Amino acid sequence: MAISKNNTAISVSTHTIKTTTHGRYLVRRPSTSTPTPILVGFHGYGEHADRLLSELNLIPGADKWLLLSIQGLHRFYSKSGRHVVSSWMTRQDRDSAMADNLSYVNDVVNHVKEAHNTTNTVVYCGFSQGVAMAYRAAANGAHRCHGIVALAGDIPPELKGQAKIEWPPILIGRGNTDEWYTQDKMDIDLEFLHSIKVKPETCRFNAGHEWVDDFRTSVGKFLRRVC
């Protein structure tokens, strides 16, 4: 890139540097003292870990799981200015952001496993923008994934060109009036998965870009099967 000053071109170069920041995550302990599986949640754009945790807590049978809700590293204020919300990434320095996020998730799950009485079962659940995080963590994370719950979000494009991913069972949810995760986008995801011999479960429901009880019921059944 070059800028002009007094008709003289001045070269400007762009760089990135690795730095340390602090992430935030919420843990809701299960109702039992026996080892329990972990359900890891990723919120949507402009949301926060508290919001996603409240949705996970409403899933039938969630009391038998340790619920872990991870907040995106990129925080900002909501439009009202009353809440601190987050995003997972933008298109700027995309590859670096993906690597940072994956390392972050690996570290969080490590800490939770060390601090709590859990089994080796890990399921990643994402809503909207958080769906991409669930797929990425399942495909390239340090912890074996036993299931993916994807509500209202699509498969990241870079994973479609990555060979030798061992996909776990997948549940895909979409509201019939969802204008962001359209039927066309869902069809593209299903076509890709079928092309690599993966047969996901699907749940379609009469609502928009949101959590609803019909989908929570499907998630509860899915979790019982993969546990």
C-alpha atoms as a PDB file:
ATOM      1  CA  MET A   1       0.000   0.000   0.000  1.00  0.00           C
ATOM      2  CA  ALA A   2       1.185   3.548  -0.721  1.00  0.00           C
ATOM      3  CA  ILE A   3      -0.002   6.959   0.390  1.00  0.00           C
ATOM      4  CA  SER A   4       0.841  10.281  -1.185  1.00  0.00           C
ATOM      5  CA  LYS A   5       2.278  13.302   0.591  1.00  0.00           C
ATOM      6  CA  ASN A   6       3.283  16.372  -1.383  1.00  0.00           C
ATOM      7  CA  ASN A   7       3.077  14.267  -4.534  1.00  0.00           C
ATOM      8  CA  THR A   8       5.616  11.823  -3.088  1.00  0.00           C
ATOM      9  CA  ALA A   9       4.659   8.171  -2.687  1.00  0.00           C
ATOM     10  CA  ILE A  10       5.274   6.757   0.783  1.00  0.00           C
ATOM     11  CA  SER A  11       5.233   2.990   1.222  1.00  0.00           C
ATOM     12  CA  VAL A  12       3.149   1.548   4.071  1.00  0.00           C
ATOM     13  CA  SER A  13       3.442  -2.118   5.048  1.00  0.00           C
ATOM     14  CA  THR A  14       1.017  -4.136   7.152  1.00  0.00           C
ATOM     15  CA  HIS A  15       2.123  -6.535   9.870  1.00  0.00           C
ATOM     16  CA  THR A  16       0.574  -8.706  12.560  1.00  0.00           C
ATOM     17  CA  ILE A  17       2.049  -9.683  15.908  1.00  0.00           C
ATOM     18  CA  LYS A  18       1.080 -12.370  18.373  1.00  0.00           C
ATOM     19  CA  THR A  19      -0.110 -11.008  21.701  1.00  0.00           C
ATOM     20  CA  THR A  20      -1.761 -12.192  24.908  1.00  0.00           C
ATOM     21  CA  THR A  21      -5.330 -11.399  25.877  1.00  0.00           C
ATOM     22  CA  HIS A  22      -7.806 -12.813  28.362  1.00  0.00           C
ATOM     23  CA  GLY A  23     -10.912 -14.727  27.363  1.00  0.00           C
ATOM     24  CA  ARG A  24     -14.088 -15.278  29.352  1.00  0.00           C
ATOM     25  CA  TYR A  25     -16.055 -18.486  29.756  1.00  0.00           C
ATOM     26  CA  LEU A  26     -18.899 -19.706  31.940  1.00  0.00           C
ATOM     27  CA  VAL A  27     -19.249 -23.137  33.520  1.00  0.00           C
ATOM     28  CA  ARG A  28     -22.491 -24.602  34.800  1.00  0.00           C
ATOM     29  CA  ARG A  29     -21.807 -27.692  36.842  1.00  0.00           C
ATOM     30  CA  PRO A  30     -24.039 -30.759  36.416  1.00  0.00           C
ATOM     31  CA  SER A  31     -26.462 -31.993  39.048  1.00  0.00           C
ATOM     32  CA  THR A  32     -24.475 -35.176  39.617  1.00  0.00           C
ATOM     33  CA  SER A  33     -21.087 -35.783  41.227  1.00  0.00           C
ATOM     34  CA  THR A  34     -20.196 -38.567  38.793  1.00  0.00           C
ATOM     35  CA  PRO A  35     -18.029 -37.859  35.731  1.00  0.00           C
ATOM     36  CA  THR A  36     -20.075 -36.049  33.096  1.00  0.00           C
ATOM     37  CA  PRO A  37     -19.664 -35.167  29.409  1.00  0.00           C
ATOM     38  CA  ILE A  38     -18.984 -31.587  28.299  1.00  0.00           C
ATOM     39  CA  LEU A  39     -21.275 -29.527  26.069  1.00  0.00           C
ATOM     40  CA  VAL A  40     -19.291 -26.570  24.725  1.00  0.00           C
ATOM     41  CA  GLY A  41     -21.294 -23.618  23.399  1.00  0.00           C
ATOM     42  CA  PHE A  42     -20.386 -20.801  20.998  1.00  0.00           C
ATOM     43  CA  HIS A  43     -22.693 -17.775  20.849  1.00  0.00           C
ATOM     44  CA  GLY A  44     -23.712 -15.766  17.805  1.00  0.00           C
ATOM     45  CA  TYR A  45     -22.501 -12.359  16.622  1.00  0.00           C
ATOM     46  CA  GLY A  46     -23.333  -9.543  19.014  1.00  0.00           C
ATOM     47  CA  GLU A  47     -24.186 -11.958  21.824  1.00  0.00           C
ATOM     48  CA  HIS A  48     -22.330 -13.106  24.917  1.00  0.00           C
ATOM     49  CA  ALA A  49     -21.582 -16.287  26.830  1.00  0.00           C
ATOM     50  CA  ASP A  50     -24.364 -15.678  29.357  1.00  0.00           C
ATOM     51  CA  ARG A  51     -27.017 -15.634  26.639  1.00  0.00           C
ATOM     52  CA  LEU A  52     -25.824 -18.859  25.084  1.00  0.00           C
ATOM     53  CA  LEU A  53     -25.539 -20.592  28.455  1.00  0.00           C
ATOM     54  CA  SER A  54     -29.168 -19.770  29.213  1.00  0.00           C
ATOM     55  CA  GLU A  55     -30.188 -21.488  25.960  1.00  0.00           C
ATOM     56  CA  LEU A  56     -28.064 -24.569  26.645  1.00  0.00           C
ATOM     57  CA  ASN A  57     -29.539 -24.853  30.122  1.00  0.00           C
ATOM     58  CA  LEU A  58     -33.025 -25.295  28.612  1.00  0.00           C
ATOM     59  CA  ILE A  59     -32.041 -28.382  26.608  1.00  0.00           C
ATOM     60  CA  PRO A  60     -33.756 -31.507  27.991  1.00  0.00           C
ATOM     61  CA  GLY A  61     -31.208 -33.551  29.921  1.00  0.00           C
ATOM     62  CA  ALA A  62     -28.710 -30.682  30.145  1.00  0.00           C
ATOM     63  CA  ASP A  63     -28.458 -31.203  33.908  1.00  0.00           C
ATOM     64  CA  LYS A  64     -26.473 -34.367  33.182  1.00  0.00           C
ATOM     65  CA  TRP A  65     -23.829 -32.421  31.256  1.00  0.00           C
ATOM     66  CA  LEU A  66     -21.206 -29.911  32.274  1.00  0.00           C
ATOM     67  CA  LEU A  67     -22.162 -26.825  30.272  1.00  0.00           C
ATOM     68  CA  LEU A  68     -19.330 -24.639  29.021  1.00  0.00           C
ATOM     69  CA  SER A  69     -20.141 -21.364  27.258  1.00  0.00           C
ATOM     70  CA  ILE A  70     -17.158 -19.591  25.688  1.00  0.00           C
ATOM     71  CA  GLN A  71     -17.259 -15.887  24.836  1.00  0.00           C
ATOM     72  CA  GLY A  72     -15.633 -14.513  21.688  1.00  0.00           C
ATOM     73  CA  LEU A  73     -12.414 -12.581  22.183  1.00  0.00           C
ATOM     74  CA  HIS A  74     -13.547  -9.510  20.257  1.00  0.00           C
ATOM     75  CA  ARG A  75     -15.761  -7.538  22.651  1.00  0.00           C
ATOM     76  CA  PHE A  76     -17.785  -4.409  21.981  1.00  0.00           C
ATOM     77  CA  TYR A  77     -20.858  -2.648  23.315  1.00  0.00           C
ATOM     78  CA  SER A  78     -24.342  -3.523  22.115  1.00  0.00           C
ATOM     79  CA  LYS A  79     -26.296  -0.888  20.187  1.00  0.00           C
ATOM     80  CA  SER A  80     -28.039   0.152  23.386  1.00  0.00           C
ATOM     81  CA  GLY A  81     -24.709   0.481  25.154  1.00  0.00           C
ATOM     82  CA  ARG A  82     -26.034  -1.550  28.068  1.00  0.00           C
ATOM     83  CA  HIS A  83     -24.342  -4.855  27.329  1.00  0.00           C
ATOM     84  CA  VAL A  84     -20.879  -6.089  26.459  1.00  0.00           C
ATOM     85  CA  VAL A  85     -21.191  -8.480  23.535  1.00  0.00           C
ATOM     86  CA  SER A  86     -18.700 -10.240  21.303  1.00  0.00           C
ATOM     87  CA  SER A  87     -17.793 -11.423  17.846  1.00  0.00           C
ATOM     88  CA  TRP A  88     -15.649 -14.384  16.910  1.00  0.00           C
ATOM     89  CA  MET A  89     -13.853 -12.798  13.969  1.00  0.00           C
ATOM     90  CA  THR A  90     -14.053 -10.522  10.948  1.00  0.00           C
ATOM     91  CA  ARG A  91     -12.640 -10.883   7.457  1.00  0.00           C
ATOM     92  CA  GLN A  92      -9.521  -8.900   8.463  1.00  0.00           C
ATOM     93  CA  ASP A  93      -6.529 -11.146   9.240  1.00  0.00           C
ATOM     94  CA  ARG A  94      -8.906 -14.076   9.015  1.00  0.00           C
ATOM     95  CA  ASP A  95      -6.348 -16.879   9.176  1.00  0.00           C
ATOM     96  CA  SER A  96      -4.690 -15.403  12.261  1.00  0.00           C
ATOM     97  CA  ALA A  97      -8.061 -14.999  13.971  1.00  0.00           C
ATOM     98  CA  MET A  98      -8.985 -18.617  13.263  1.00  0.00           C
ATOM     99  CA  ALA A  99      -5.698 -19.821  14.753  1.00  0.00           C
ATOM    100  CA  ASP A 100      -6.155 -17.595  17.820  1.00  0.00           C
ATOM    101  CA  ASN A 101      -9.706 -18.815  18.363  1.00  0.00           C
ATOM    102  CA  LEU A 102      -8.775 -22.468  18.040  1.00  0.00           C
ATOM    103  CA  SER A 103      -5.909 -22.103  20.515  1.00  0.00           C
ATOM    104  CA  TYR A 104      -8.264 -20.271  22.877  1.00  0.00           C
ATOM    105  CA  VAL A 105     -10.877 -23.034  22.741  1.00  0.00           C
ATOM    106  CA  ASN A 106      -8.249 -25.730  23.256  1.00  0.00           C
ATOM    107  CA  ASP A 107      -6.962 -23.937  26.351  1.00  0.00           C
ATOM    108  CA  VAL A 108     -10.443 -23.440  27.806  1.00  0.00           C
ATOM    109  CA  VAL A 109     -11.400 -27.096  27.377  1.00  0.00           C
ATOM    110  CA  ASN A 110      -8.062 -28.129  28.892  1.00  0.00           C
ATOM    111  CA  HIS A 111      -8.671 -25.959  31.956  1.00  0.00           C
ATOM    112  CA  VAL A 112     -12.205 -27.261  32.387  1.00  0.00           C
ATOM    113  CA  LYS A 113     -11.126 -30.896  32.121  1.00  0.00           C
ATOM    114  CA  GLU A 114      -8.425 -30.331  34.722  1.00  0.00           C
ATOM    115  CA  ALA A 115     -10.746 -28.519  37.123  1.00  0.00           C
ATOM    116  CA  HIS A 116     -13.856 -30.699  36.873  1.00  0.00           C
ATOM    117  CA  ASN A 117     -14.859 -34.347  36.995  1.00  0.00           C
ATOM    118  CA  THR A 118     -15.626 -35.058  33.348  1.00  0.00           C
ATOM    119  CA  THR A 119     -15.632 -37.910  30.878  1.00  0.00           C
ATOM    120  CA  ASN A 120     -13.817 -37.715  27.545  1.00  0.00           C
ATOM    121  CA  THR A 121     -17.045 -36.918  25.686  1.00  0.00           C
ATOM    122  CA  VAL A 122     -17.058 -33.419  24.181  1.00  0.00           C
ATOM    123  CA  VAL A 123     -19.833 -31.976  22.007  1.00  0.00           C
ATOM    124  CA  TYR A 124     -19.520 -28.579  20.324  1.00  0.00           C
ATOM    125  CA  CYS A 125     -22.676 -26.515  19.880  1.00  0.00           C
ATOM    126  CA  GLY A 126     -22.865 -23.268  17.924  1.00  0.00           C
ATOM    127  CA  PHE A 127     -25.529 -20.708  17.126  1.00  0.00           C
ATOM    128  CA  SER A 128     -25.290 -18.401  14.090  1.00  0.00           C
ATOM    129  CA  GLN A 129     -21.691 -17.119  13.840  1.00  0.00           C
ATOM    130  CA  GLY A 130     -20.763 -19.593  16.563  1.00  0.00           C
ATOM    131  CA  VAL A 131     -21.597 -22.516  14.271  1.00  0.00           C
ATOM    132  CA  ALA A 132     -18.361 -21.975  12.357  1.00  0.00           C
ATOM    133  CA  MET A 133     -16.486 -22.180  15.653  1.00  0.00           C
ATOM    134  CA  ALA A 134     -18.173 -25.488  16.491  1.00  0.00           C
ATOM    135  CA  TYR A 135     -17.190 -26.974  13.132  1.00  0.00           C
ATOM    136  CA  ARG A 136     -13.615 -25.657  13.358  1.00  0.00           C
ATOM    137  CA  ALA A 137     -13.100 -26.924  16.903  1.00  0.00           C
ATOM    138  CA  ALA A 138     -14.481 -30.324  15.924  1.00  0.00           C
ATOM    139  CA  ALA A 139     -12.326 -30.586  12.805  1.00  0.00           C
ATOM    140  CA  ASN A 140      -9.039 -29.150  14.049  1.00  0.00           C
ATOM    141  CA  GLY A 141      -9.225 -28.837  17.826  1.00  0.00           C
ATOM    142  CA  ALA A 142      -7.001 -30.647  20.288  1.00  0.00           C
ATOM    143  CA  HIS A 143      -9.879 -32.572  21.850  1.00  0.00           C
ATOM    144  CA  ARG A 144     -11.734 -35.369  20.147  1.00  0.00           C
ATOM    145  CA  CYS A 145     -15.265 -34.246  19.330  1.00  0.00           C
ATOM    146  CA  HIS A 146     -18.168 -36.662  19.739  1.00  0.00           C
ATOM    147  CA  GLY A 147     -20.863 -34.482  18.189  1.00  0.00           C
ATOM    148  CA  ILE A 148     -21.637 -31.141  16.530  1.00  0.00           C
ATOM    149  CA  VAL A 149     -24.845 -29.173  17.064  1.00  0.00           C
ATOM    150  CA  ALA A 150     -25.185 -26.464  14.410  1.00  0.00           C
ATOM    151  CA  LEU A 151     -28.100 -24.036  14.678  1.00  0.00           C
ATOM    152  CA  ALA A 152     -28.609 -21.346  12.035  1.00  0.00           C
ATOM    153  CA  GLY A 153     -25.093 -21.261  10.641  1.00  0.00           C
ATOM    154  CA  ASP A 154     -23.092 -22.813   7.828  1.00  0.00           C
ATOM    155  CA  ILE A 155     -19.935 -24.870   7.446  1.00  0.00           C
ATOM    156  CA  PRO A 156     -16.809 -22.687   7.091  1.00  0.00           C
ATOM    157  CA  PRO A 157     -15.527 -22.777   3.497  1.00  0.00           C
ATOM    158  CA  GLU A 158     -11.937 -23.668   4.394  1.00  0.00           C
ATOM    159  CA  LEU A 159     -13.057 -26.961   5.948  1.00  0.00           C
ATOM    160  CA  LYS A 160     -14.650 -28.089   2.699  1.00  0.00           C
ATOM    161  CA  GLY A 161     -11.228 -28.239   1.088  1.00  0.00           C
ATOM    162  CA  GLN A 162      -9.549 -29.980   3.995  1.00  0.00           C
ATOM    163  CA  ALA A 163      -9.038 -33.686   3.553  1.00  0.00           C
ATOM    164  CA  LYS A 164      -9.098 -36.388   6.232  1.00  0.00           C
ATOM    165  CA  ILE A 165     -11.426 -34.714   8.706  1.00  0.00           C
ATOM    166  CA  GLU A 166     -13.035 -37.348  10.909  1.00  0.00           C
ATOM    167  CA  TRP A 167     -16.494 -35.860  11.225  1.00  0.00           C
ATOM    168  CA  PRO A 168     -18.501 -36.835  14.314  1.00  0.00           C
ATOM    169  CA  PRO A 169     -22.309 -37.103  14.328  1.00  0.00           C
ATOM    170  CA  ILE A 170     -23.863 -33.768  13.320  1.00  0.00           C
ATOM    171  CA  LEU A 171     -27.244 -32.179  14.037  1.00  0.00           C
ATOM    172  CA  ILE A 172     -28.176 -29.208  11.838  1.00  0.00           C
ATOM    173  CA  GLY A 173     -31.086 -26.942  12.770  1.00  0.00           C
ATOM    174  CA  ARG A 174     -32.843 -24.257  10.746  1.00  0.00           C
ATOM    175  CA  GLY A 175     -35.974 -22.175  11.185  1.00  0.00           C
ATOM    176  CA  ASN A 176     -38.234 -22.097   8.134  1.00  0.00           C
ATOM    177  CA  THR A 177     -38.299 -18.286   8.102  1.00  0.00           C
ATOM    178  CA  ASP A 178     -34.595 -17.778   8.824  1.00  0.00           C
ATOM    179  CA  GLU A 179     -33.394 -15.099   6.392  1.00  0.00           C
ATOM    180  CA  TRP A 180     -29.707 -15.483   7.282  1.00  0.00           C
ATOM    181  CA  TYR A 181     -29.182 -19.234   7.211  1.00  0.00           C
ATOM    182  CA  THR A 182     -31.371 -19.760   4.185  1.00  0.00           C
ATOM    183  CA  GLN A 183     -32.638 -23.036   2.802  1.00  0.00           C
ATOM    184  CA  ASP A 184     -30.130 -22.656  -0.039  1.00  0.00           C
ATOM    185  CA  LYS A 185     -27.258 -22.430   2.459  1.00  0.00           C
ATOM    186  CA  MET A 186     -28.523 -25.468   4.327  1.00  0.00           C
ATOM    187  CA  ASP A 187     -28.834 -27.395   1.059  1.00  0.00           C
ATOM    188  CA  ILE A 188     -25.223 -26.529   0.194  1.00  0.00           C
ATOM    189  CA  ASP A 189     -24.072 -27.840   3.576  1.00  0.00           C
ATOM    190  CA  LEU A 190     -26.070 -31.031   3.205  1.00  0.00           C
ATOM    191  CA  GLU A 191     -24.805 -31.592  -0.338  1.00  0.00           C
ATOM    192  CA  PHE A 192     -21.208 -31.230   0.843  1.00  0.00           C
ATOM    193  CA  LEU A 193     -21.640 -33.577   3.792  1.00  0.00           C
ATOM    194  CA  HIS A 194     -23.391 -36.185   1.670  1.00  0.00           C
ATOM    195  CA  SER A 195     -20.555 -35.933  -0.887  1.00  0.00           C
ATOM    196  CA  ILE A 196     -18.074 -37.063   1.785  1.00  0.00           C
ATOM    197  CA  LYS A 197     -20.393 -39.807   3.055  1.00  0.00           C
ATOM    198  CA  VAL A 198     -21.504 -37.952   6.188  1.00  0.00           C
ATOM    199  CA  LYS A 199     -25.221 -38.141   6.954  1.00  0.00           C
ATOM    200  CA  PRO A 200     -26.194 -35.408   9.421  1.00  0.00           C
ATOM    201  CA  GLU A 201     -29.435 -35.264  11.327  1.00  0.00           C
ATOM    202  CA  THR A 202     -31.617 -32.261  10.566  1.00  0.00           C
ATOM    203  CA  CYS A 203     -34.270 -30.358  12.462  1.00  0.00           C
ATOM    204  CA  ARG A 204     -36.492 -27.853  10.676  1.00  0.00           C
ATOM    205  CA  PHE A 205     -38.913 -25.796  12.726  1.00  0.00           C
ATOM    206  CA  ASN A 206     -41.432 -22.993  12.307  1.00  0.00           C
ATOM    207  CA  ALA A 207     -39.456 -19.954  13.455  1.00  0.00           C
ATOM    208  CA  GLY A 208     -36.655 -17.653  12.369  1.00  0.00           C
ATOM    209  CA  HIS A 209     -33.025 -17.142  13.366  1.00  0.00           C
ATOM    210  CA  GLU A 210     -33.449 -18.287  16.948  1.00  0.00           C
ATOM    211  CA  TRP A 211     -33.589 -21.052  19.530  1.00  0.00           C
ATOM    212  CA  VAL A 212     -36.955 -22.779  19.992  1.00  0.00           C
ATOM    213  CA  ASP A 213     -38.224 -25.681  22.093  1.00  0.00           C
ATOM    214  CA  ASP A 214     -38.618 -27.997  19.087  1.00  0.00           C
ATOM    215  CA  PHE A 215     -34.926 -27.688  18.353  1.00  0.00           C
ATOM    216  CA  ARG A 216     -33.950 -28.057  22.010  1.00  0.00           C
ATOM    217  CA  THR A 217     -35.905 -31.322  22.108  1.00  0.00           C
ATOM    218  CA  SER A 218     -33.962 -32.584  19.087  1.00  0.00           C
ATOM    219  CA  VAL A 219     -30.692 -31.559  20.729  1.00  0.00           C
ATOM    220  CA  GLY A 220     -31.617 -33.434  23.906  1.00  0.00           C
ATOM    221  CA  LYS A 221     -32.248 -36.627  21.936  1.00  0.00           C
ATOM    222  CA  PHE A 222     -29.034 -36.124  19.958  1.00  0.00           C
ATOM    223  CA  LEU A 223     -26.978 -35.719  23.137  1.00  0.00           C
ATOM    224  CA  ARG A 224     -28.388 -38.910  24.605  1.00  0.00           C
ATOM    225  CA  ARG A 225     -27.327 -40.806  21.493  1.00  0.00           C
ATOM    226  CA  VAL A 226     -23.754 -39.512  21.326  1.00  0.00           C
ATOM    227  CA  CYS A 227     -23.017 -39.708  25.048  1.00  0.00           C
END
